[in-house]
Structure formats: structure tokens, C-alpha cells
Amino acid sequence: QFTSSDPRSGDGSLDILNLKSADTGTYQCKVKKAPGVQSQKIQLTV
């Protein structure tokens, strides 16, 4: 789920519950609001 109930507040963080080994990987958050576009990668190891 999104951490914030209203991602428009400037918080697009992601909660992942009950982690499984298959959740290991690289996650990318992409934020777009034309003309702005930004992204960030996060490595998760379970």
C-alpha cells in the first residue's frame, strides 16, 4: 500500500507487508507531473 492515504501530499512511499524472499529485487519509484518526471531506485533484500 502507499504509506500515505493521499500521495498528493508529496509522499509516494510504499509499504510492503509480510515480506517473502521473492520480494527481493530493485524497486523504482517514478513520479510524473508534466513537464516534471523523476525516478529513484531502491534495492530490497529479504
All heavy atoms as atom14 arrays in JSON, in Angstrom:
{
  "sequence": "QFTSSDPRSGDGSLDILNLKSADTGTYQCKVKKAPGVQSQKIQLTV",
  "atom14_mask": [
    [1, 1, 1, 1, 1, 1, 1, 1, 1, 0, 0, 0, 0, 0],
    [1, 1, 1, 1, 1, 1, 1, 1, 1, 1, 1, 0, 0, 0],
    [1, 1, 1, 1, 1, 1, 1, 0, 0, 0, 0, 0, 0, 0],
    [1, 1, 1, 1, 1, 1, 0, 0, 0, 0, 0, 0, 0, 0],
    [1, 1, 1, 1, 1, 1, 0, 0, 0, 0, 0, 0, 0, 0],
    [1, 1, 1, 1, 1, 1, 1, 1, 0, 0, 0, 0, 0, 0],
    [1, 1, 1, 1, 1, 1, 1, 0, 0, 0, 0, 0, 0, 0],
    [1, 1, 1, 1, 1, 1, 1, 1, 1, 1, 1, 0, 0, 0],
    [1, 1, 1, 1, 1, 1, 0, 0, 0, 0, 0, 0, 0, 0],
    [1, 1, 1, 1, 0, 0, 0, 0, 0, 0, 0, 0, 0, 0],
    [1, 1, 1, 1, 1, 1, 1, 1, 0, 0, 0, 0, 0, 0],
    [1, 1, 1, 1, 0, 0, 0, 0, 0, 0, 0, 0, 0, 0],
    [1, 1, 1, 1, 1, 1, 0, 0, 0, 0, 0, 0, 0, 0],
    [1, 1, 1, 1, 1, 1, 1, 1, 0, 0, 0, 0, 0, 0],
    [1, 1, 1, 1, 1, 1, 1, 1, 0, 0, 0, 0, 0, 0],
    [1, 1, 1, 1, 1, 1, 1, 1, 0, 0, 0, 0, 0, 0],
    [1, 1, 1, 1, 1, 1, 1, 1, 0, 0, 0, 0, 0, 0],
    [1, 1, 1, 1, 1, 1, 1, 1, 0, 0, 0, 0, 0, 0],
    [1, 1, 1, 1, 1, 1, 1, 1, 0, 0, 0, 0, 0, 0],
    [1, 1, 1, 1, 1, 1, 1, 1, 1, 0, 0, 0, 0, 0],
    [1, 1, 1, 1, 1, 1, 0, 0, 0, 0, 0, 0, 0, 0],
    [1, 1, 1, 1, 1, 0, 0, 0, 0, 0, 0, 0, 0, 0],
    [1, 1, 1, 1, 1, 1, 1, 1, 0, 0, 0, 0, 0, 0],
    [1, 1, 1, 1, 1, 1, 1, 0, 0, 0, 0, 0, 0, 0],
    [1, 1, 1, 1, 0, 0, 0, 0, 0, 0, 0, 0, 0, 0],
    [1, 1, 1, 1, 1, 1, 1, 0, 0, 0, 0, 0, 0, 0],
    [1, 1, 1, 1, 1, 1, 1, 1, 1, 1, 1, 1, 0, 0],
    [1, 1, 1, 1, 1, 1, 1, 1, 1, 0, 0, 0, 0, 0],
    [1, 1, 1, 1, 1, 1, 0, 0, 0, 0, 0, 0, 0, 0],
    [1, 1, 1, 1, 1, 1, 1, 1, 1, 0, 0, 0, 0, 0],
    [1, 1, 1, 1, 1, 1, 1, 0, 0, 0, 0, 0, 0, 0],
    [1, 1, 1, 1, 1, 1, 1, 1, 1, 0, 0, 0, 0, 0],
    [1, 1, 1, 1, 1, 1, 1, 1, 1, 0, 0, 0, 0, 0],
    [1, 1, 1, 1, 1, 0, 0, 0, 0, 0, 0, 0, 0, 0],
    [1, 1, 1, 1, 1, 1, 1, 0, 0, 0, 0, 0, 0, 0],
    [1, 1, 1, 1, 0, 0, 0, 0, 0, 0, 0, 0, 0, 0],
    [1, 1, 1, 1, 1, 1, 1, 0, 0, 0, 0, 0, 0, 0],
    [1, 1, 1, 1, 1, 1, 1, 1, 1, 0, 0, 0, 0, 0],
    [1, 1, 1, 1, 1, 1, 0, 0, 0, 0, 0, 0, 0, 0],
    [1, 1, 1, 1, 1, 1, 1, 1, 1, 0, 0, 0, 0, 0],
    [1, 1, 1, 1, 1, 1, 1, 1, 1, 0, 0, 0, 0, 0],
    [1, 1, 1, 1, 1, 1, 1, 1, 0, 0, 0, 0, 0, 0],
    [1, 1, 1, 1, 1, 1, 1, 1, 1, 0, 0, 0, 0, 0],
    [1, 1, 1, 1, 1, 1, 1, 1, 0, 0, 0, 0, 0, 0],
    [1, 1, 1, 1, 1, 1, 1, 0, 0, 0, 0, 0, 0, 0],
    [1, 1, 1, 1, 1, 1, 1, 0, 0, 0, 0, 0, 0, 0]
  ],
  "atom14_positions": [
    [[0.85, -1.19, 0.0], [0.0, 0.0, 0.0], [0.89, 1.24, 0.0], [2.04, 1.18, 0.42], [-0.89, 0.01, 1.25], [-0.09, 0.12, 2.53], [-0.83, -0.36, 3.76], [-1.67, -1.25, 3.68], [-0.5, 0.21, 4.9], [0.0, 0.0, 0.0], [0.0, 0.0, 0.0], [0.0, 0.0, 0.0], [0.0, 0.0, 0.0], [0.0, 0.0, 0.0]],
    [[0.34, 2.34, -0.49], [1.03, 3.6, -0.33], [1.04, 3.93, 1.16], [0.05, 3.71, 1.86], [0.34, 4.73, -1.12], [0.64, 4.71, -2.59], [-0.32, 4.32, -3.51], [1.89, 5.1, -3.05], [-0.03, 4.31, -4.87], [2.19, 5.09, -4.41], [1.22, 4.69, -5.32], [0.0, 0.0, 0.0], [0.0, 0.0, 0.0], [0.0, 0.0, 0.0]],
    [[2.17, 4.44, 1.67], [2.3, 4.8, 3.08], [1.29, 5.88, 3.44], [0.65, 5.83, 4.49], [3.73, 5.28, 3.37], [4.65, 4.26, 2.95], [3.95, 5.57, 4.84], [0.0, 0.0, 0.0], [0.0, 0.0, 0.0], [0.0, 0.0, 0.0], [0.0, 0.0, 0.0], [0.0, 0.0, 0.0], [0.0, 0.0, 0.0], [0.0, 0.0, 0.0]],
    [[1.14, 6.86, 2.56], [0.22, 7.96, 2.8], [-1.14, 7.66, 2.18], [-1.21, 7.11, 1.07], [0.78, 9.25, 2.17], [-0.19, 10.26, 2.15], [0.0, 0.0, 0.0], [0.0, 0.0, 0.0], [0.0, 0.0, 0.0], [0.0, 0.0, 0.0], [0.0, 0.0, 0.0], [0.0, 0.0, 0.0], [0.0, 0.0, 0.0], [0.0, 0.0, 0.0]],
    [[-2.21, 8.0, 2.89], [-3.55, 7.79, 2.32], [-3.79, 8.75, 1.15], [-4.65, 8.52, 0.32], [-4.61, 7.97, 3.39], [-4.49, 9.25, 3.98], [0.0, 0.0, 0.0], [0.0, 0.0, 0.0], [0.0, 0.0, 0.0], [0.0, 0.0, 0.0], [0.0, 0.0, 0.0], [0.0, 0.0, 0.0], [0.0, 0.0, 0.0], [0.0, 0.0, 0.0]],
    [[-3.0, 9.85, 1.09], [-3.12, 10.81, -0.01], [-1.74, 11.11, -0.59], [-1.05, 12.01, -0.11], [-3.8, 12.1, 0.46], [-4.03, 13.08, -0.69], [-3.79, 12.69, -1.86], [-4.44, 14.22, -0.42], [0.0, 0.0, 0.0], [0.0, 0.0, 0.0], [0.0, 0.0, 0.0], [0.0, 0.0, 0.0], [0.0, 0.0, 0.0], [0.0, 0.0, 0.0]],
    [[-1.32, 10.35, -1.6], [0.02, 10.55, -2.17], [0.25, 11.95, -2.74], [1.4, 12.36, -2.93], [0.11, 9.48, -3.27], [-0.89, 8.44, -2.88], [-2.0, 9.19, -2.2], [0.0, 0.0, 0.0], [0.0, 0.0, 0.0], [0.0, 0.0, 0.0], [0.0, 0.0, 0.0], [0.0, 0.0, 0.0], [0.0, 0.0, 0.0], [0.0, 0.0, 0.0]],
    [[-0.83, 12.71, -2.99], [-0.66, 14.08, -3.5], [0.08, 14.96, -2.49], [0.58, 16.01, -2.85], [-2.02, 14.71, -3.79], [-2.7, 14.14, -5.02], [-4.08, 14.71, -5.19], [-4.9, 14.45, -4.0], [-6.19, 14.73, -3.9], [-6.83, 15.28, -4.92], [-6.87, 14.44, -2.81], [0.0, 0.0, 0.0], [0.0, 0.0, 0.0], [0.0, 0.0, 0.0]],
    [[0.13, 14.51, -1.22], [0.78, 15.3, -0.17], [2.29, 15.39, -0.38], [2.96, 16.12, 0.34], [0.5, 14.65, 1.19], [1.07, 13.35, 1.22], [0.0, 0.0, 0.0], [0.0, 0.0, 0.0], [0.0, 0.0, 0.0], [0.0, 0.0, 0.0], [0.0, 0.0, 0.0], [0.0, 0.0, 0.0], [0.0, 0.0, 0.0], [0.0, 0.0, 0.0]],
    [[2.81, 14.63, -1.33], [4.26, 14.63, -1.56], [4.93, 13.38, -1.02], [6.14, 13.29, -0.96], [0.0, 0.0, 0.0], [0.0, 0.0, 0.0], [0.0, 0.0, 0.0], [0.0, 0.0, 0.0], [0.0, 0.0, 0.0], [0.0, 0.0, 0.0], [0.0, 0.0, 0.0], [0.0, 0.0, 0.0], [0.0, 0.0, 0.0], [0.0, 0.0, 0.0]],
    [[4.1, 12.39, -0.63], [4.65, 11.14, -0.12], [4.11, 9.98, -0.93], [2.96, 9.57, -0.79], [4.29, 10.97, 1.36], [4.98, 9.77, 2.01], [5.68, 9.03, 1.29], [4.83, 9.58, 3.23], [0.0, 0.0, 0.0], [0.0, 0.0, 0.0], [0.0, 0.0, 0.0], [0.0, 0.0, 0.0], [0.0, 0.0, 0.0], [0.0, 0.0, 0.0]],
    [[4.95, 9.44, -1.82], [4.57, 8.29, -2.63], [5.25, 7.02, -2.13], [5.37, 6.05, -2.87], [0.0, 0.0, 0.0], [0.0, 0.0, 0.0], [0.0, 0.0, 0.0], [0.0, 0.0, 0.0], [0.0, 0.0, 0.0], [0.0, 0.0, 0.0], [0.0, 0.0, 0.0], [0.0, 0.0, 0.0], [0.0, 0.0, 0.0], [0.0, 0.0, 0.0]],
    [[5.7, 7.03, -0.86], [6.4, 5.86, -0.3], [5.5, 4.63, -0.32], [4.28, 4.73, -0.3], [6.83, 6.16, 1.14], [7.67, 7.3, 1.18], [0.0, 0.0, 0.0], [0.0, 0.0, 0.0], [0.0, 0.0, 0.0], [0.0, 0.0, 0.0], [0.0, 0.0, 0.0], [0.0, 0.0, 0.0], [0.0, 0.0, 0.0], [0.0, 0.0, 0.0]],
    [[6.14, 3.46, -0.35], [5.43, 2.18, -0.48], [5.7, 1.3, 0.73], [6.85, 1.1, 1.12], [5.92, 1.46, -1.75], [5.35, 0.08, -2.03], [3.86, 0.14, -2.34], [6.1, -0.59, -3.17], [0.0, 0.0, 0.0], [0.0, 0.0, 0.0], [0.0, 0.0, 0.0], [0.0, 0.0, 0.0], [0.0, 0.0, 0.0], [0.0, 0.0, 0.0]],
    [[4.63, 0.78, 1.34], [4.74, -0.22, 2.41], [4.55, -1.59, 1.8], [3.58, -1.81, 1.06], [3.65, -0.03, 3.47], [3.83, 1.22, 4.31], [4.96, 1.74, 4.36], [2.83, 1.68, 4.91], [0.0, 0.0, 0.0], [0.0, 0.0, 0.0], [0.0, 0.0, 0.0], [0.0, 0.0, 0.0], [0.0, 0.0, 0.0], [0.0, 0.0, 0.0]],
    [[5.45, -2.53, 2.14], [5.26, -3.93, 1.77], [5.22, -4.71, 3.08], [6.12, -4.61, 3.91], [6.4, -4.46, 0.86], [6.56, -3.57, -0.37], [6.1, -5.91, 0.44], [7.76, -3.94, -1.23], [0.0, 0.0, 0.0], [0.0, 0.0, 0.0], [0.0, 0.0, 0.0], [0.0, 0.0, 0.0], [0.0, 0.0, 0.0], [0.0, 0.0, 0.0]],
    [[4.14, -5.48, 3.26], [3.92, -6.22, 4.5], [4.27, -7.69, 4.31], [4.3, -8.2, 3.18], [2.45, -6.1, 4.92], [1.83, -4.71, 4.81], [0.33, -4.77, 5.05], [2.47, -3.75, 5.78], [0.0, 0.0, 0.0], [0.0, 0.0, 0.0], [0.0, 0.0, 0.0], [0.0, 0.0, 0.0], [0.0, 0.0, 0.0], [0.0, 0.0, 0.0]],
    [[4.52, -8.39, 5.43], [4.76, -9.84, 5.42], [5.72, -10.24, 4.29], [5.37, -11.01, 3.4], [3.42, -10.58, 5.3], [3.58, -12.08, 5.48], [4.57, -12.55, 6.04], [2.62, -12.83, 4.99], [0.0, 0.0, 0.0], [0.0, 0.0, 0.0], [0.0, 0.0, 0.0], [0.0, 0.0, 0.0], [0.0, 0.0, 0.0], [0.0, 0.0, 0.0]],
    [[6.93, -9.69, 4.34], [7.91, -9.88, 3.26], [8.19, -11.36, 2.98], [8.25, -12.17, 3.89], [9.22, -9.18, 3.62], [9.19, -7.66, 3.5], [10.4, -7.04, 4.18], [9.12, -7.23, 2.05], [0.0, 0.0, 0.0], [0.0, 0.0, 0.0], [0.0, 0.0, 0.0], [0.0, 0.0, 0.0], [0.0, 0.0, 0.0], [0.0, 0.0, 0.0]],
    [[8.4, -11.65, 1.7], [8.75, -13.0, 1.25], [10.08, -12.91, 0.5], [10.43, -11.86, -0.03], [7.66, -13.55, 0.34], [6.28, -13.6, 1.01], [5.25, -14.23, 0.11], [3.87, -14.25, 0.72], [3.77, -14.59, 2.12], [0.0, 0.0, 0.0], [0.0, 0.0, 0.0], [0.0, 0.0, 0.0], [0.0, 0.0, 0.0], [0.0, 0.0, 0.0]],
    [[10.8, -14.03, 0.43], [12.11, -14.0, -0.24], [11.97, -13.57, -1.69], [12.85, -12.9, -2.24], [12.82, -15.35, -0.13], [12.08, -16.35, -0.77], [0.0, 0.0, 0.0], [0.0, 0.0, 0.0], [0.0, 0.0, 0.0], [0.0, 0.0, 0.0], [0.0, 0.0, 0.0], [0.0, 0.0, 0.0], [0.0, 0.0, 0.0], [0.0, 0.0, 0.0]],
    [[10.84, -13.88, -2.33], [10.63, -13.5, -3.74], [10.47, -11.99, -3.91], [10.51, -11.49, -5.04], [9.39, -14.21, -4.29], [0.0, 0.0, 0.0], [0.0, 0.0, 0.0], [0.0, 0.0, 0.0], [0.0, 0.0, 0.0], [0.0, 0.0, 0.0], [0.0, 0.0, 0.0], [0.0, 0.0, 0.0], [0.0, 0.0, 0.0], [0.0, 0.0, 0.0]],
    [[10.3, -11.24, -2.8], [10.19, -9.78, -2.89], [11.55, -9.11, -3.09], [11.62, -7.92, -3.36], [9.53, -9.21, -1.62], [8.09, -9.69, -1.43], [7.46, -10.07, -2.44], [7.62, -9.68, -0.29], [0.0, 0.0, 0.0], [0.0, 0.0, 0.0], [0.0, 0.0, 0.0], [0.0, 0.0, 0.0], [0.0, 0.0, 0.0], [0.0, 0.0, 0.0]],
    [[12.63, -9.88, -2.94], [13.97, -9.34, -3.17], [14.06, -8.81, -4.59], [13.63, -9.47, -5.53], [15.04, -10.44, -2.94], [15.05, -10.78, -1.55], [16.42, -9.98, -3.35], [0.0, 0.0, 0.0], [0.0, 0.0, 0.0], [0.0, 0.0, 0.0], [0.0, 0.0, 0.0], [0.0, 0.0, 0.0], [0.0, 0.0, 0.0], [0.0, 0.0, 0.0]],
    [[14.6, -7.6, -4.75], [14.75, -7.04, -6.08], [14.98, -5.54, -6.04], [15.14, -4.95, -4.97], [0.0, 0.0, 0.0], [0.0, 0.0, 0.0], [0.0, 0.0, 0.0], [0.0, 0.0, 0.0], [0.0, 0.0, 0.0], [0.0, 0.0, 0.0], [0.0, 0.0, 0.0], [0.0, 0.0, 0.0], [0.0, 0.0, 0.0], [0.0, 0.0, 0.0]],
    [[15.01, -4.93, -7.21], [15.19, -3.49, -7.35], [13.84, -2.86, -7.63], [13.15, -3.26, -8.57], [16.17, -3.17, -8.5], [17.42, -3.82, -8.24], [16.41, -1.67, -8.61], [0.0, 0.0, 0.0], [0.0, 0.0, 0.0], [0.0, 0.0, 0.0], [0.0, 0.0, 0.0], [0.0, 0.0, 0.0], [0.0, 0.0, 0.0], [0.0, 0.0, 0.0]],
    [[13.47, -1.91, -6.79], [12.19, -1.21, -6.93], [12.47, 0.2, -7.41], [13.42, 0.84, -6.97], [11.46, -1.17, -5.57], [11.0, -2.55, -5.13], [11.89, -3.46, -4.58], [9.68, -2.94, -5.3], [11.47, -4.73, -4.2], [9.25, -4.21, -4.92], [10.16, -5.1, -4.37], [9.75, -6.35, -4.0], [0.0, 0.0, 0.0], [0.0, 0.0, 0.0]],
    [[11.63, 0.68, -8.32], [11.8, 2.04, -8.84], [10.51, 2.82, -8.64], [9.43, 2.36, -9.01], [12.16, 2.01, -10.32], [12.42, 3.41, -10.88], [12.92, 3.35, -12.31], [12.45, 2.58, -13.12], [13.89, 4.18, -12.61], [0.0, 0.0, 0.0], [0.0, 0.0, 0.0], [0.0, 0.0, 0.0], [0.0, 0.0, 0.0], [0.0, 0.0, 0.0]],
    [[10.67, 3.99, -8.03], [9.56, 4.91, -7.86], [9.68, 5.96, -8.97], [10.73, 6.59, -9.12], [9.66, 5.58, -6.48], [8.51, 6.92, -6.24], [0.0, 0.0, 0.0], [0.0, 0.0, 0.0], [0.0, 0.0, 0.0], [0.0, 0.0, 0.0], [0.0, 0.0, 0.0], [0.0, 0.0, 0.0], [0.0, 0.0, 0.0], [0.0, 0.0, 0.0]],
    [[8.6, 6.13, -9.76], [8.57, 7.15, -10.82], [7.48, 8.15, -10.48], [6.33, 7.76, -10.25], [8.27, 6.53, -12.18], [9.28, 5.54, -12.69], [8.83, 4.97, -14.04], [9.76, 3.88, -14.53], [9.29, 3.27, -15.79], [0.0, 0.0, 0.0], [0.0, 0.0, 0.0], [0.0, 0.0, 0.0], [0.0, 0.0, 0.0], [0.0, 0.0, 0.0]],
    [[7.84, 9.42, -10.42], [6.86, 10.48, -10.15], [6.8, 11.37, -11.38], [7.83, 11.84, -11.86], [7.24, 11.31, -8.9], [6.18, 12.37, -8.61], [7.45, 10.41, -7.69], [0.0, 0.0, 0.0], [0.0, 0.0, 0.0], [0.0, 0.0, 0.0], [0.0, 0.0, 0.0], [0.0, 0.0, 0.0], [0.0, 0.0, 0.0], [0.0, 0.0, 0.0]],
    [[5.57, 11.58, -11.9], [5.39, 12.41, -13.09], [4.31, 13.45, -12.82], [3.25, 13.11, -12.27], [4.96, 11.57, -14.3], [5.86, 10.41, -14.64], [5.24, 9.59, -15.77], [5.72, 8.15, -15.67], [4.96, 7.24, -16.5], [0.0, 0.0, 0.0], [0.0, 0.0, 0.0], [0.0, 0.0, 0.0], [0.0, 0.0, 0.0], [0.0, 0.0, 0.0]],
    [[4.57, 14.65, -13.18], [3.56, 15.72, -13.21], [4.09, 16.7, -14.24], [4.96, 17.5, -13.95], [3.39, 16.37, -11.84], [2.18, 17.33, -11.77], [1.86, 17.67, -10.32], [0.83, 18.76, -10.17], [-0.5, 18.45, -10.67], [0.0, 0.0, 0.0], [0.0, 0.0, 0.0], [0.0, 0.0, 0.0], [0.0, 0.0, 0.0], [0.0, 0.0, 0.0]],
    [[3.6, 16.58, -15.46], [4.18, 17.27, -16.61], [4.4, 18.76, -16.33], [3.54, 19.4, -15.72], [3.25, 17.09, -17.82], [0.0, 0.0, 0.0], [0.0, 0.0, 0.0], [0.0, 0.0, 0.0], [0.0, 0.0, 0.0], [0.0, 0.0, 0.0], [0.0, 0.0, 0.0], [0.0, 0.0, 0.0], [0.0, 0.0, 0.0], [0.0, 0.0, 0.0]],
    [[5.58, 19.27, -16.76], [6.62, 18.56, -17.5], [7.61, 17.79, -16.63], [8.54, 17.18, -17.14], [7.35, 19.71, -18.21], [7.24, 20.85, -17.24], [5.89, 20.7, -16.58], [0.0, 0.0, 0.0], [0.0, 0.0, 0.0], [0.0, 0.0, 0.0], [0.0, 0.0, 0.0], [0.0, 0.0, 0.0], [0.0, 0.0, 0.0], [0.0, 0.0, 0.0]],
    [[7.43, 17.78, -15.31], [8.4, 17.12, -14.42], [8.27, 15.61, -14.4], [7.18, 15.07, -14.35], [0.0, 0.0, 0.0], [0.0, 0.0, 0.0], [0.0, 0.0, 0.0], [0.0, 0.0, 0.0], [0.0, 0.0, 0.0], [0.0, 0.0, 0.0], [0.0, 0.0, 0.0], [0.0, 0.0, 0.0], [0.0, 0.0, 0.0], [0.0, 0.0, 0.0]],
    [[9.43, 14.93, -14.45], [9.5, 13.47, -14.33], [10.76, 13.13, -13.56], [11.84, 13.61, -13.92], [9.57, 12.78, -15.72], [9.68, 11.27, -15.56], [8.38, 13.14, -16.59], [0.0, 0.0, 0.0], [0.0, 0.0, 0.0], [0.0, 0.0, 0.0], [0.0, 0.0, 0.0], [0.0, 0.0, 0.0], [0.0, 0.0, 0.0], [0.0, 0.0, 0.0]],
    [[10.64, 12.35, -12.5], [11.81, 11.91, -11.74], [11.61, 10.46, -11.32], [10.48, 9.99, -11.17], [12.0, 12.77, -10.47], [12.48, 14.18, -10.73], [13.92, 14.24, -11.23], [14.76, 13.45, -10.81], [14.19, 15.17, -12.13], [0.0, 0.0, 0.0], [0.0, 0.0, 0.0], [0.0, 0.0, 0.0], [0.0, 0.0, 0.0], [0.0, 0.0, 0.0]],
    [[12.73, 9.77, -11.1], [12.63, 8.39, -10.61], [13.79, 8.1, -9.67], [14.81, 8.79, -9.69], [12.61, 7.4, -11.77], [13.84, 7.42, -12.44], [0.0, 0.0, 0.0], [0.0, 0.0, 0.0], [0.0, 0.0, 0.0], [0.0, 0.0, 0.0], [0.0, 0.0, 0.0], [0.0, 0.0, 0.0], [0.0, 0.0, 0.0], [0.0, 0.0, 0.0]],
    [[13.59, 7.06, -8.86], [14.62, 6.66, -7.9], [14.55, 5.15, -7.72], [13.46, 4.59, -7.65], [14.33, 7.37, -6.57], [14.98, 6.76, -5.37], [14.61, 7.53, -4.11], [14.92, 8.7, -4.0], [13.95, 6.89, -3.19], [0.0, 0.0, 0.0], [0.0, 0.0, 0.0], [0.0, 0.0, 0.0], [0.0, 0.0, 0.0], [0.0, 0.0, 0.0]],
    [[15.72, 4.5, -7.64], [15.77, 3.05, -7.47], [16.18, 2.69, -6.05], [17.02, 3.35, -5.46], [16.76, 2.42, -8.46], [16.28, 2.48, -9.89], [17.26, 1.8, -10.83], [16.77, 1.92, -12.27], [17.76, 1.44, -13.23], [0.0, 0.0, 0.0], [0.0, 0.0, 0.0], [0.0, 0.0, 0.0], [0.0, 0.0, 0.0], [0.0, 0.0, 0.0]],
    [[15.58, 1.61, -5.54], [15.88, 1.12, -4.2], [16.06, -0.39, -4.29], [15.24, -1.09, -4.89], [14.73, 1.44, -3.21], [14.59, 2.96, -3.07], [14.98, 0.78, -1.86], [13.39, 3.39, -2.25], [0.0, 0.0, 0.0], [0.0, 0.0, 0.0], [0.0, 0.0, 0.0], [0.0, 0.0, 0.0], [0.0, 0.0, 0.0], [0.0, 0.0, 0.0]],
    [[17.13, -0.88, -3.68], [17.41, -2.32, -3.66], [16.88, -2.91, -2.36], [17.24, -2.44, -1.28], [18.92, -2.57, -3.78], [19.33, -4.03, -3.78], [18.86, -4.79, -5.0], [18.93, -4.28, -6.11], [18.37, -5.99, -4.8], [0.0, 0.0, 0.0], [0.0, 0.0, 0.0], [0.0, 0.0, 0.0], [0.0, 0.0, 0.0], [0.0, 0.0, 0.0]],
    [[16.02, -3.93, -2.45], [15.48, -4.61, -1.27], [15.97, -6.05, -1.26], [15.84, -6.76, -2.25], [13.94, -4.59, -1.3], [13.25, -5.41, -0.21], [13.52, -4.86, 1.19], [11.75, -5.49, -0.47], [0.0, 0.0, 0.0], [0.0, 0.0, 0.0], [0.0, 0.0, 0.0], [0.0, 0.0, 0.0], [0.0, 0.0, 0.0], [0.0, 0.0, 0.0]],
    [[16.55, -6.45, -0.12], [16.97, -7.84, 0.07], [16.2, -8.4, 1.24], [16.23, -7.84, 2.34], [18.49, -7.93, 0.35], [19.2, -7.29, -0.72], [18.94, -9.37, 0.47], [0.0, 0.0, 0.0], [0.0, 0.0, 0.0], [0.0, 0.0, 0.0], [0.0, 0.0, 0.0], [0.0, 0.0, 0.0], [0.0, 0.0, 0.0], [0.0, 0.0, 0.0]],
    [[15.47, -9.49, 1.01], [14.73, -10.15, 2.08], [15.55, -11.34, 2.56], [15.87, -12.24, 1.78], [13.33, -10.6, 1.59], [12.58, -11.3, 2.72], [12.53, -9.41, 1.08], [0.0, 0.0, 0.0], [0.0, 0.0, 0.0], [0.0, 0.0, 0.0], [0.0, 0.0, 0.0], [0.0, 0.0, 0.0], [0.0, 0.0, 0.0], [0.0, 0.0, 0.0]]
  ]
}
